[in-house]
């Protein structure tokens, strides 16, 4: 009888231990392939900070359009009205075709913090975006980094978007509540 109780206790402890372990992050991929003058996006609902997003971006092809610039966006959206957006943009500049420009975008695109130019490449470009509980946003892409305060911004979703090109977000993880 004691042996059965011991065996049952051990089995319960093993089962409980398995359910208490932290889940492994799920690596995701999103191919954002749009014709000229169009856009596409992927989003996920979140319930606040802290949030950590990391992965790699591959620029397979940029396309030409008379009105739309090829762009890739990694953003947090939310706020009181649900329309505020903080994030990281990578886009082409027609006068500098062999470079991409990176910038951090604050709400409504009214305030921008330019990170600078990086050489255009077909190699995967590492990126990360982190929002901590104190309202500090940290971004990095291709070795360029920036931080800015976003105050009491409450994100409600994470969004990856693109326009006028073929882009791939590879092996990314969204670690958020």
Protein backbone atom coordinates (compact mmCIF):
# COMPACT_ATOMS: atom_id res chain seq x y z
CA UNK A 1 0.00 0.00 0.00
CA UNK A 2 2.80 2.44 0.84
CA UNK A 3 4.57 1.60 -2.40
CA UNK A 4 1.43 2.42 -4.43
CA UNK A 5 1.03 5.69 -2.54
CA UNK A 6 4.67 6.56 -3.16
CA UNK A 7 4.33 5.71 -6.88
CA UNK A 8 1.15 7.79 -7.14
CA UNK A 9 2.83 10.71 -5.33
CA UNK A 10 5.84 10.55 -7.65
CA UNK A 11 3.59 10.46 -10.73
CA UNK A 12 1.63 13.47 -9.47
CA UNK A 13 4.84 15.40 -8.75
CA UNK A 14 6.12 14.69 -12.27
CA UNK A 15 2.84 15.76 -13.84
CA UNK A 16 2.70 18.92 -11.74
CA UNK A 17 6.30 19.76 -12.59
CA UNK A 18 5.59 19.41 -16.30
CA UNK A 19 2.68 21.85 -16.09
CA UNK A 20 4.66 24.37 -14.04
CA UNK A 21 7.52 24.76 -16.54
CA UNK A 22 7.51 27.90 -18.65
CA UNK A 23 6.33 27.34 -22.18
CA UNK A 24 9.00 27.43 -24.84
CA UNK A 25 8.71 30.46 -27.11
CA UNK A 26 6.96 29.73 -30.36
CA UNK A 27 9.00 30.80 -33.39
CA UNK A 28 6.77 32.27 -36.05
CA UNK A 29 7.16 33.30 -39.68
CA UNK A 30 5.17 35.78 -41.74
CA UNK A 31 5.72 36.42 -45.43
CA UNK A 32 4.46 39.89 -46.28
CA UNK A 33 4.36 39.92 -50.09
CA UNK A 34 2.43 42.80 -51.66
CA UNK A 35 2.13 44.20 -55.18
CA UNK A 36 3.03 47.84 -55.79
CA UNK A 37 0.64 50.24 -54.07
CA UNK A 38 -0.78 47.65 -51.65
CA UNK A 39 -0.16 46.64 -48.05
CA UNK A 40 -0.56 43.60 -45.85
CA UNK A 41 -0.25 42.96 -42.14
CA UNK A 42 -0.17 40.38 -39.35
CA UNK A 43 -1.27 41.24 -35.84
CA UNK A 44 -1.68 39.70 -32.42
CA UNK A 45 -3.65 40.97 -29.44
CA UNK A 46 -1.71 41.74 -26.26
CA UNK A 47 -2.86 42.99 -22.87
CA UNK A 48 -0.08 45.34 -21.82
CA UNK A 49 3.61 45.57 -21.03
CA UNK A 50 6.23 44.24 -20.74
CA UNK A 51 6.50 43.12 -24.35
CA UNK A 52 9.49 41.73 -26.17
CA UNK A 53 9.58 41.06 -29.92
CA UNK A 54 12.63 39.70 -31.71
CA UNK A 55 13.33 38.07 -35.03
CA UNK A 56 14.86 38.58 -38.45
CA UNK A 57 13.61 40.44 -41.50
CA UNK A 58 14.53 39.49 -45.04
CA UNK A 59 13.92 41.93 -47.89
CA UNK A 60 13.33 39.68 -50.91
CA UNK A 61 12.22 42.38 -53.34
CA UNK A 62 11.25 46.04 -53.29
CA UNK A 63 8.77 47.16 -55.92
CA UNK A 64 8.14 50.51 -57.55
CA UNK A 65 4.98 52.56 -57.30
CA UNK A 66 4.39 56.22 -58.16
CA UNK A 67 2.75 56.96 -54.79
CA UNK A 68 3.77 54.23 -52.33
CA UNK A 69 7.22 53.71 -50.84
CA UNK A 70 8.30 50.16 -50.00
CA UNK A 71 8.12 49.92 -46.20
CA UNK A 72 8.22 47.38 -43.38
CA UNK A 73 6.71 48.12 -39.96
CA UNK A 74 7.00 46.44 -36.56
CA UNK A 75 4.65 48.29 -34.20
CA UNK A 76 2.74 48.30 -30.96
CA UNK A 77 -0.75 49.74 -31.26
CA UNK A 78 -3.18 50.82 -28.59
CA UNK A 79 -3.60 53.67 -26.15
CA UNK A 80 -6.85 55.17 -24.94
CA UNK A 81 -8.25 55.51 -28.47
CA UNK A 82 -6.66 52.31 -29.80
CA UNK A 83 -4.99 54.27 -32.61
CA UNK A 84 -1.65 55.24 -31.07
CA UNK A 85 1.33 53.48 -32.67
CA UNK A 86 4.91 53.09 -31.54
CA UNK A 87 7.35 51.10 -33.58
CA UNK A 88 10.12 50.62 -36.01
CA UNK A 89 9.94 51.41 -39.74
CA UNK A 90 12.35 50.33 -42.46
CA UNK A 91 11.81 51.91 -45.85
CA UNK A 92 13.53 52.71 -49.10
CA UNK A 93 14.61 56.16 -50.19
CA UNK A 94 14.45 56.62 -53.99
CA UNK A 95 17.54 58.86 -54.07
CA UNK A 96 19.61 56.23 -52.20
CA UNK A 97 18.61 52.92 -53.84
CA UNK A 98 21.36 50.83 -52.23
CA UNK A 99 20.35 51.75 -48.66
CA UNK A 100 17.37 51.32 -46.32
CA UNK A 101 16.38 53.96 -43.76
CA UNK A 102 15.34 53.03 -40.21
CA UNK A 103 13.30 55.16 -37.84
CA UNK A 104 11.41 54.87 -34.57
CA UNK A 105 7.87 56.18 -34.92
CA UNK A 106 5.90 57.70 -32.06
CA UNK A 107 2.09 58.22 -32.01
CA UNK A 108 0.41 59.33 -35.21
CA UNK A 109 3.81 59.50 -36.91
CA UNK A 110 4.20 63.07 -35.63
CA UNK A 111 7.48 62.48 -33.87
CA UNK A 112 10.20 60.38 -35.45
CA UNK A 113 13.62 59.39 -34.24
CA UNK A 114 15.80 58.45 -37.20
CA UNK A 115 18.18 55.59 -36.56
CA UNK A 116 20.00 55.95 -39.85
CA UNK A 117 20.81 54.14 -43.06
CA UNK A 118 21.83 50.52 -43.45
CA UNK A 119 23.05 48.89 -46.67
CA UNK A 120 20.36 47.09 -48.63
CA UNK A 121 20.84 43.35 -48.39
CA UNK A 122 19.15 40.04 -49.07
CA UNK A 123 20.61 38.67 -45.82
CA UNK A 124 18.32 38.39 -42.77
CA UNK A 125 18.37 41.59 -40.67
CA UNK A 126 17.99 41.06 -36.90
CA UNK A 127 15.49 43.28 -35.08
CA UNK A 128 13.99 43.68 -31.63
CA UNK A 129 11.41 45.88 -29.97
CA UNK A 130 10.94 45.90 -26.19
CA UNK A 131 8.51 47.87 -24.07
CA UNK A 132 9.17 47.61 -20.35
CA UNK A 133 6.67 48.15 -17.53
CA UNK A 134 8.02 51.66 -16.87
CA UNK A 135 7.09 52.84 -20.39
CA UNK A 136 10.55 52.73 -21.93
CA UNK A 137 10.62 51.55 -25.56
CA UNK A 138 13.89 50.01 -26.79
CA UNK A 139 14.36 49.15 -30.48
CA UNK A 140 17.21 47.73 -32.49
CA UNK A 141 17.70 46.65 -36.07
CA UNK A 142 20.88 45.74 -37.91
CA UNK A 143 22.97 46.91 -34.95
CA UNK A 144 21.35 50.37 -34.71
CA UNK A 145 19.63 51.04 -31.38
CA UNK A 146 17.40 53.67 -29.81
CA UNK A 147 15.27 54.16 -26.71
CA UNK A 148 12.45 56.54 -25.96
CA UNK A 149 9.81 56.99 -23.28
CA UNK A 150 6.23 56.23 -24.27
CA UNK A 151 4.76 57.13 -20.88
CA UNK A 152 1.67 55.25 -19.79
CA UNK A 153 0.94 53.86 -23.28
CA UNK A 154 -1.06 50.62 -23.03
CA UNK A 155 -0.56 48.43 -26.11
CA UNK A 156 -3.46 46.30 -27.31
CA UNK A 157 -1.79 44.65 -30.31
CA UNK A 158 1.49 43.90 -32.04
CA UNK A 159 1.51 44.45 -35.80
CA UNK A 160 3.91 43.53 -38.59
CA UNK A 161 3.08 45.25 -41.88
CA UNK A 162 4.56 45.92 -45.29
CA UNK A 163 3.84 47.67 -48.54
CA UNK A 164 5.08 47.53 -52.11
CA UNK A 165 7.47 44.61 -51.79
CA UNK A 166 8.19 41.06 -50.73
CA UNK A 167 9.42 40.82 -47.14
CA UNK A 168 9.72 37.94 -44.69
CA UNK A 169 9.66 38.07 -40.91
CA UNK A 170 11.47 34.89 -39.92
CA UNK A 171 11.85 33.09 -36.60
CA UNK A 172 10.24 35.88 -34.64
CA UNK A 173 8.96 35.62 -31.08
CA UNK A 174 6.38 37.81 -29.42
CA UNK A 175 6.71 37.51 -25.64
CA UNK A 176 3.76 39.42 -24.21
CA UNK A 177 0.85 39.05 -21.78
